[in-house]
Amino acid sequence: MIRMFRGVLAIGAVLFLSAAPAGAQVDRATLAGSVSDSNGGVIPGATVSITNLATGLESHQVTNETGAYQMADLIPGKYRVDVELSGFKKSSQVVTLEVGQRGRLDVELAVGNFAETVTVAETPQLLQTTDASIGAVIPQSQVANLPLAIRNWDDLLA
């Protein structure tokens, strides 16, 4: 009886301890940065708009007194980041955020007319400077072609 109790207790402990890492899985991304002028001075009050190119979902934020912004809980994918403030040229960049990434995008606004827009056609990949974890975006078409019993992506987490 004691031997069976120890066996059940050991199995329960293994199941309990193996479930803890599964809860730590991250499926979102964060984008942060600062906005400055061409002389390096910070620009508070600039509007940072981020648009998911796949869904069209938009999020807006105003930079704080140090010119910084942070947008958390973003779905991984391609985003267009627009930064604008009256009296400066609008900046527009396309970035790709990966699963669990804490990307940083610092933007420099040039002084200009109200109607001028600066569009950066190609931006380098964002560097992950806060941790070394690996993540990737798996397109829906690839998940649909995987040999899963009920086509549930949760089966891939094991």
Protein backbone atom coordinates (compact mmCIF):
# COMPACT_ATOMS: atom_id res chain seq x y z
CA MET A 1 0.00 0.00 0.00
CA ILE A 2 2.80 2.42 0.91
CA ARG A 3 4.68 1.49 -2.27
CA MET A 4 1.59 2.29 -4.39
CA PHE A 5 1.06 5.58 -2.55
CA ARG A 6 4.68 6.60 -3.23
CA GLY A 7 4.27 5.71 -6.91
CA VAL A 8 1.12 7.80 -7.22
CA LEU A 9 2.79 10.65 -5.34
CA ALA A 10 5.84 10.51 -7.64
CA ILE A 11 3.69 10.55 -10.77
CA GLY A 12 1.66 13.45 -9.38
CA ALA A 13 4.84 15.42 -8.62
CA VAL A 14 6.19 14.84 -12.14
CA LEU A 15 2.92 15.98 -13.70
CA PHE A 16 2.75 19.05 -11.46
CA LEU A 17 6.34 20.10 -12.18
CA SER A 18 6.08 19.50 -15.93
CA ALA A 19 2.97 21.69 -16.17
CA ALA A 20 4.75 24.78 -14.82
CA PRO A 21 6.92 25.44 -17.92
CA ALA A 22 3.87 25.13 -20.19
CA GLY A 23 2.26 28.12 -18.49
CA ALA A 24 5.29 30.28 -19.22
CA GLN A 25 4.87 30.08 -23.00
CA VAL A 26 4.61 33.51 -24.61
CA ASP A 27 2.56 34.08 -27.76
CA ARG A 28 2.70 37.89 -27.96
CA ALA A 29 5.31 40.55 -28.73
CA THR A 30 6.22 44.01 -27.45
CA LEU A 31 7.50 47.05 -29.35
CA ALA A 32 9.19 49.92 -27.55
CA GLY A 33 11.41 52.82 -28.51
CA SER A 34 11.91 56.54 -28.41
CA VAL A 35 11.18 59.44 -30.73
CA SER A 36 13.76 62.18 -31.22
CA ASP A 37 14.47 65.05 -33.60
CA SER A 38 17.40 65.29 -36.02
CA ASN A 39 19.53 66.93 -33.29
CA GLY A 40 18.95 64.06 -30.85
CA GLY A 41 16.45 65.91 -28.64
CA VAL A 42 13.53 63.85 -27.37
CA ILE A 43 10.05 64.58 -28.71
CA PRO A 44 7.27 64.24 -26.12
CA GLY A 45 3.68 64.21 -27.36
CA ALA A 46 4.35 62.48 -30.70
CA THR A 47 1.63 60.07 -31.81
CA VAL A 48 2.88 56.53 -32.47
CA SER A 49 0.40 54.43 -34.46
CA ILE A 50 1.00 50.75 -35.13
CA THR A 51 -1.12 48.82 -37.64
CA ASN A 52 -1.11 45.04 -38.07
CA LEU A 53 -0.87 44.59 -41.85
CA ALA A 54 -2.63 41.19 -41.77
CA THR A 55 -5.64 42.20 -39.67
CA GLY A 56 -5.76 46.00 -39.99
CA LEU A 57 -5.92 46.31 -36.20
CA GLU A 58 -4.55 49.69 -35.06
CA SER A 59 -3.12 50.84 -31.75
CA HIS A 60 -2.15 54.42 -30.88
CA GLN A 61 0.02 55.86 -28.16
CA VAL A 62 1.50 59.27 -27.34
CA THR A 63 5.16 59.46 -26.33
CA ASN A 64 5.84 60.44 -22.72
CA GLU A 65 8.00 63.33 -21.46
CA THR A 66 11.19 61.42 -22.34
CA GLY A 67 9.97 60.68 -25.88
CA ALA A 68 9.50 56.98 -25.09
CA TYR A 69 6.66 54.64 -26.02
CA GLN A 70 5.88 50.97 -25.41
CA MET A 71 3.18 48.80 -26.95
CA ALA A 72 2.70 45.38 -25.39
CA ASP A 73 0.54 42.35 -26.15
CA LEU A 74 0.95 42.62 -29.92
CA ILE A 75 0.08 39.66 -32.11
CA PRO A 76 3.25 38.50 -33.95
CA GLY A 77 3.38 39.57 -37.59
CA LYS A 78 4.12 42.53 -39.87
CA TYR A 79 3.27 46.01 -38.63
CA ARG A 80 3.40 49.51 -40.08
CA VAL A 81 4.63 52.01 -37.49
CA ASP A 82 3.68 55.65 -38.15
CA VAL A 83 5.07 58.46 -36.00
CA GLU A 84 3.83 62.02 -36.40
CA LEU A 85 3.72 65.37 -34.66
CA SER A 86 2.72 68.77 -35.94
CA GLY A 87 5.75 70.60 -37.35
CA PHE A 88 7.67 67.40 -38.14
CA LYS A 89 7.71 65.10 -41.15
CA LYS A 90 5.69 61.92 -40.65
CA SER A 91 7.75 58.73 -40.42
CA SER A 92 6.41 55.37 -41.59
CA GLN A 93 8.25 52.05 -41.26
CA VAL A 94 7.31 48.38 -41.66
CA VAL A 95 8.61 45.97 -39.01
CA THR A 96 8.10 42.27 -38.31
CA LEU A 97 7.54 41.14 -34.73
CA GLU A 98 8.20 37.52 -33.78
CA VAL A 99 6.72 35.44 -30.97
CA GLY A 100 7.99 36.62 -27.57
CA GLN A 101 10.06 39.42 -29.11
CA ARG A 102 10.69 42.65 -27.22
CA GLY A 103 11.61 44.76 -30.24
CA ARG A 104 13.02 48.26 -30.10
CA LEU A 105 12.39 50.86 -32.79
CA ASP A 106 13.85 54.32 -32.23
CA VAL A 107 12.49 56.92 -34.66
CA GLU A 108 14.08 60.21 -35.69
CA LEU A 109 11.68 62.86 -36.99
CA ALA A 110 12.94 65.59 -39.28
CA VAL A 111 11.59 69.13 -39.07
CA GLY A 112 9.33 69.78 -42.03
CA ASN A 113 6.12 71.09 -43.46
CA PHE A 114 2.79 69.78 -42.27
CA ALA A 115 2.11 67.86 -45.49
CA GLU A 116 5.49 66.13 -45.95
CA THR A 117 5.84 62.42 -45.24
CA VAL A 118 9.02 60.37 -44.99
CA THR A 119 8.53 56.70 -45.84
CA VAL A 120 11.28 54.18 -45.18
CA ALA A 121 10.84 51.42 -47.75
CA GLU A 122 13.04 48.78 -46.13
CA THR A 123 13.96 48.61 -42.47
CA PRO A 124 16.47 46.23 -40.96
CA GLN A 125 15.18 43.41 -38.80
CA LEU A 126 14.59 44.47 -35.21
CA LEU A 127 17.25 43.31 -32.78
CA GLN A 128 16.20 41.40 -29.71
CA THR A 129 18.44 42.94 -27.05
CA THR A 130 16.64 41.87 -23.87
CA ASP A 131 16.80 38.06 -24.12
CA ALA A 132 18.04 35.27 -26.37
CA SER A 133 14.89 33.19 -26.73
CA ILE A 134 13.84 31.93 -30.15
CA GLY A 135 10.35 32.37 -31.57
CA ALA A 136 8.73 32.22 -34.97
CA VAL A 137 5.43 33.04 -36.64
CA ILE A 138 3.80 29.98 -38.19
CA PRO A 139 1.31 30.90 -40.93
CA GLN A 140 -2.21 29.45 -40.77
CA SER A 141 -1.66 27.62 -44.07
CA GLN A 142 1.28 25.73 -42.58
CA VAL A 143 -0.70 24.77 -39.45
CA ALA A 144 -3.55 23.52 -41.66
CA ASN A 145 -1.15 21.16 -43.47
CA LEU A 146 0.32 19.62 -40.30
CA PRO A 147 -0.76 16.07 -39.40
CA LEU A 148 -2.80 16.94 -36.31
CA ALA A 149 -5.73 14.85 -35.12
CA ILE A 150 -8.18 17.74 -34.64
CA ARG A 151 -6.31 20.61 -36.35
CA ASN A 152 -5.70 22.32 -33.01
CA TRP A 153 -2.44 24.26 -32.77
CA ASP A 154 -2.33 23.64 -29.01
CA ASP A 155 -1.19 20.08 -29.85
CA LEU A 156 2.09 21.60 -31.12
CA LEU A 157 3.05 23.03 -27.70
CA ALA A 158 3.96 19.67 -26.21
